[in-house]
Amino acid sequence: MSIISAIIIGFIVGLIARAIMPGTQSMGFIMTTLLGVAGSFVGSYLGQAIGMYPAGSQAGWIASVVGALILLFIFGLVSKK
């Protein structure tokens, strides 16, 4: 996977996670993309590590969104003042 496709997929995953998560998240384009890329990495890595699905499976998208939701929740807890 190239870097550009990882960024595009990360942005899509970040947008989906922000749409699913209730409330407002004050994030820009770059933070949304970083959230999606990190969520994709976390979700895909954990799902493959515990043997839930093979690499390249459609379930990887679901795991990526779940990983991004987890990171978005953590980001919300940390950034609250």
N, C-alpha and C. Protein backbone atom coordinates (compact mmCIF):
# COMPACT_ATOMS: atom_id res chain seq x y z
N MET A 1 0.84 -1.17 0.00
CA MET A 1 0.00 0.00 0.00
C MET A 1 0.89 1.24 0.00
N SER A 2 0.59 2.17 -0.86
CA SER A 2 1.40 3.38 -0.93
C SER A 2 0.99 4.36 0.17
N ILE A 3 1.83 5.32 0.37
CA ILE A 3 1.58 6.32 1.40
C ILE A 3 0.32 7.14 1.07
N ILE A 4 0.16 7.49 -0.19
CA ILE A 4 -1.00 8.31 -0.58
C ILE A 4 -2.30 7.56 -0.35
N SER A 5 -2.33 6.27 -0.70
CA SER A 5 -3.57 5.51 -0.47
C SER A 5 -3.83 5.32 1.02
N ALA A 6 -2.79 5.19 1.83
CA ALA A 6 -2.97 5.08 3.28
C ALA A 6 -3.56 6.38 3.84
N ILE A 7 -3.13 7.52 3.31
CA ILE A 7 -3.65 8.80 3.77
C ILE A 7 -5.12 8.96 3.36
N ILE A 8 -5.44 8.57 2.14
CA ILE A 8 -6.82 8.69 1.67
C ILE A 8 -7.74 7.77 2.47
N ILE A 9 -7.32 6.52 2.66
CA ILE A 9 -8.12 5.58 3.46
C ILE A 9 -8.24 6.07 4.90
N GLY A 10 -7.16 6.60 5.45
CA GLY A 10 -7.19 7.14 6.81
C GLY A 10 -8.16 8.30 6.94
N PHE A 11 -8.20 9.16 5.93
CA PHE A 11 -9.13 10.29 5.96
C PHE A 11 -10.57 9.80 5.93
N ILE A 12 -10.85 8.81 5.08
CA ILE A 12 -12.21 8.26 4.99
C ILE A 12 -12.61 7.62 6.31
N VAL A 13 -11.70 6.83 6.89
CA VAL A 13 -11.98 6.18 8.17
C VAL A 13 -12.18 7.23 9.26
N GLY A 14 -11.37 8.28 9.27
CA GLY A 14 -11.53 9.35 10.25
C GLY A 14 -12.86 10.07 10.12
N LEU A 15 -13.30 10.31 8.89
CA LEU A 15 -14.60 10.93 8.69
C LEU A 15 -15.74 10.04 9.17
N ILE A 16 -15.65 8.75 8.89
CA ILE A 16 -16.68 7.81 9.34
C ILE A 16 -16.74 7.78 10.86
N ALA A 17 -15.56 7.72 11.49
CA ALA A 17 -15.52 7.67 12.96
C ALA A 17 -16.10 8.94 13.56
N ARG A 18 -15.78 10.11 12.97
CA ARG A 18 -16.33 11.36 13.49
C ARG A 18 -17.83 11.45 13.28
N ALA A 19 -18.34 10.84 12.21
CA ALA A 19 -19.78 10.85 11.96
C ALA A 19 -20.53 9.95 12.93
N ILE A 20 -19.91 8.85 13.32
CA ILE A 20 -20.55 7.89 14.23
C ILE A 20 -20.51 8.38 15.67
N MET A 21 -19.41 8.99 16.07
CA MET A 21 -19.22 9.42 17.46
C MET A 21 -20.17 10.59 17.78
N PRO A 22 -20.96 10.47 18.85
CA PRO A 22 -21.86 11.58 19.21
C PRO A 22 -21.08 12.78 19.72
N GLY A 23 -21.69 13.94 19.56
CA GLY A 23 -21.05 15.17 20.02
C GLY A 23 -20.26 15.82 18.91
N THR A 24 -19.63 16.93 19.24
CA THR A 24 -18.81 17.63 18.26
C THR A 24 -17.35 17.45 18.59
N GLN A 25 -16.58 17.23 17.57
CA GLN A 25 -15.14 17.11 17.73
C GLN A 25 -14.51 18.27 16.96
N SER A 26 -13.76 19.07 17.65
CA SER A 26 -13.12 20.22 17.00
C SER A 26 -11.77 19.79 16.44
N MET A 27 -11.84 19.19 15.26
CA MET A 27 -10.63 18.72 14.59
C MET A 27 -10.63 19.25 13.17
N GLY A 28 -9.47 19.49 12.67
CA GLY A 28 -9.34 19.92 11.29
C GLY A 28 -9.07 18.73 10.37
N PHE A 29 -8.74 19.06 9.14
CA PHE A 29 -8.48 18.06 8.11
C PHE A 29 -7.31 17.15 8.49
N ILE A 30 -6.24 17.75 8.97
CA ILE A 30 -5.03 16.97 9.28
C ILE A 30 -5.26 16.06 10.48
N MET A 31 -5.91 16.56 11.53
CA MET A 31 -6.18 15.73 12.70
C MET A 31 -7.13 14.58 12.37
N THR A 32 -8.12 14.84 11.51
CA THR A 32 -9.03 13.79 11.09
C THR A 32 -8.29 12.70 10.33
N THR A 33 -7.37 13.11 9.45
CA THR A 33 -6.58 12.16 8.69
C THR A 33 -5.66 11.35 9.60
N LEU A 34 -5.00 12.03 10.53
CA LEU A 34 -4.11 11.32 11.47
C LEU A 34 -4.89 10.35 12.35
N LEU A 35 -6.08 10.77 12.78
CA LEU A 35 -6.94 9.89 13.57
C LEU A 35 -7.29 8.64 12.77
N GLY A 36 -7.67 8.81 11.53
CA GLY A 36 -8.05 7.68 10.69
C GLY A 36 -6.89 6.75 10.40
N VAL A 37 -5.72 7.31 10.11
CA VAL A 37 -4.54 6.48 9.84
C VAL A 37 -4.15 5.70 11.09
N ALA A 38 -4.13 6.38 12.24
CA ALA A 38 -3.79 5.69 13.49
C ALA A 38 -4.85 4.65 13.86
N GLY A 39 -6.11 4.99 13.66
CA GLY A 39 -7.18 4.03 13.94
C GLY A 39 -7.11 2.82 13.03
N SER A 40 -6.78 3.05 11.76
CA SER A 40 -6.62 1.94 10.82
C SER A 40 -5.48 1.02 11.26
N PHE A 41 -4.39 1.64 11.67
CA PHE A 41 -3.25 0.85 12.12
C PHE A 41 -3.59 0.04 13.36
N VAL A 42 -4.20 0.69 14.34
CA VAL A 42 -4.53 0.00 15.59
C VAL A 42 -5.56 -1.11 15.35
N GLY A 43 -6.63 -0.79 14.66
CA GLY A 43 -7.69 -1.78 14.42
C GLY A 43 -7.23 -2.94 13.58
N SER A 44 -6.49 -2.65 12.51
CA SER A 44 -6.02 -3.72 11.63
C SER A 44 -4.99 -4.60 12.33
N TYR A 45 -4.08 -3.96 13.04
CA TYR A 45 -3.03 -4.72 13.71
C TYR A 45 -3.62 -5.63 14.80
N LEU A 46 -4.50 -5.08 15.62
CA LEU A 46 -5.08 -5.89 16.70
C LEU A 46 -5.96 -7.01 16.15
N GLY A 47 -6.76 -6.73 15.12
CA GLY A 47 -7.62 -7.75 14.53
C GLY A 47 -6.83 -8.90 13.93
N GLN A 48 -5.74 -8.57 13.26
CA GLN A 48 -4.91 -9.61 12.67
C GLN A 48 -4.09 -10.34 13.73
N ALA A 49 -3.67 -9.62 14.76
CA ALA A 49 -2.85 -10.24 15.81
C ALA A 49 -3.62 -11.29 16.60
N ILE A 50 -4.93 -11.05 16.82
CA ILE A 50 -5.69 -12.04 17.58
C ILE A 50 -6.40 -13.03 16.66
N GLY A 51 -6.15 -12.91 15.35
CA GLY A 51 -6.65 -13.90 14.41
C GLY A 51 -8.11 -13.76 14.05
N MET A 52 -8.67 -12.56 14.14
CA MET A 52 -10.08 -12.36 13.81
C MET A 52 -10.33 -12.42 12.31
N TYR A 53 -9.36 -11.97 11.50
CA TYR A 53 -9.51 -11.96 10.06
C TYR A 53 -8.12 -11.90 9.42
N PRO A 54 -8.01 -12.35 8.16
CA PRO A 54 -6.72 -12.28 7.47
C PRO A 54 -6.47 -10.88 6.93
N ALA A 55 -5.24 -10.61 6.54
CA ALA A 55 -4.88 -9.31 5.97
C ALA A 55 -5.61 -9.09 4.66
N GLY A 56 -6.09 -7.88 4.43
CA GLY A 56 -6.79 -7.54 3.21
C GLY A 56 -8.26 -7.89 3.20
N SER A 57 -8.80 -8.32 4.30
CA SER A 57 -10.20 -8.70 4.40
C SER A 57 -11.09 -7.46 4.54
N GLN A 58 -12.36 -7.58 4.17
CA GLN A 58 -13.31 -6.48 4.32
C GLN A 58 -13.53 -6.13 5.79
N ALA A 59 -13.32 -7.07 6.67
CA ALA A 59 -13.48 -6.80 8.10
C ALA A 59 -12.43 -5.81 8.59
N GLY A 60 -11.38 -5.62 7.84
CA GLY A 60 -10.36 -4.63 8.20
C GLY A 60 -10.90 -3.22 8.22
N TRP A 61 -11.86 -2.91 7.34
CA TRP A 61 -12.48 -1.59 7.34
C TRP A 61 -13.25 -1.36 8.64
N ILE A 62 -13.99 -2.38 9.04
CA ILE A 62 -14.76 -2.27 10.28
C ILE A 62 -13.83 -2.11 11.47
N ALA A 63 -12.78 -2.90 11.49
CA ALA A 63 -11.81 -2.81 12.58
C ALA A 63 -11.11 -1.45 12.57
N SER A 64 -10.86 -0.91 11.39
CA SER A 64 -10.23 0.41 11.29
C SER A 64 -11.14 1.49 11.87
N VAL A 65 -12.42 1.43 11.56
CA VAL A 65 -13.36 2.42 12.09
C VAL A 65 -13.48 2.26 13.61
N VAL A 66 -13.53 1.03 14.10
CA VAL A 66 -13.60 0.81 15.55
C VAL A 66 -12.33 1.33 16.22
N GLY A 67 -11.18 1.08 15.63
CA GLY A 67 -9.93 1.61 16.18
C GLY A 67 -9.93 3.13 16.20
N ALA A 68 -10.44 3.76 15.14
CA ALA A 68 -10.52 5.22 15.10
C ALA A 68 -11.50 5.75 16.14
N LEU A 69 -12.61 5.03 16.35
CA LEU A 69 -13.57 5.44 17.38
C LEU A 69 -12.94 5.40 18.77
N ILE A 70 -12.17 4.37 19.02
CA ILE A 70 -11.49 4.26 20.32
C ILE A 70 -10.51 5.41 20.50
N LEU A 71 -9.73 5.70 19.45
CA LEU A 71 -8.78 6.81 19.55
C LEU A 71 -9.49 8.16 19.66
N LEU A 72 -10.62 8.30 18.99
CA LEU A 72 -11.39 9.54 19.08
C LEU A 72 -11.96 9.72 20.48
N PHE A 73 -12.41 8.65 21.10
CA PHE A 73 -12.90 8.71 22.47
C PHE A 73 -11.77 9.12 23.42
N ILE A 74 -10.61 8.52 23.25
CA ILE A 74 -9.46 8.86 24.09
C ILE A 74 -9.04 10.32 23.86
N PHE A 75 -9.06 10.74 22.60
CA PHE A 75 -8.72 12.13 22.27
C PHE A 75 -9.69 13.10 22.95
N GLY A 76 -10.97 12.74 22.96
CA GLY A 76 -11.98 13.57 23.61
C GLY A 76 -11.75 13.68 25.11
N LEU A 77 -11.34 12.58 25.74
CA LEU A 77 -11.06 12.61 27.17
C LEU A 77 -9.84 13.45 27.50
N VAL A 78 -8.82 13.33 26.67
CA VAL A 78 -7.57 14.05 26.92
C VAL A 78 -7.70 15.53 26.63
N SER A 79 -8.46 15.89 25.58
CA SER A 79 -8.52 17.29 25.18
C SER A 79 -9.56 18.10 25.94
N LYS A 80 -10.40 17.47 26.77
CA LYS A 80 -11.38 18.22 27.56
C LYS A 80 -10.65 19.05 28.62
N LYS A 81 -11.17 20.25 28.80
CA LYS A 81 -10.53 21.12 29.80
C LYS A 81 -11.47 21.50 30.88
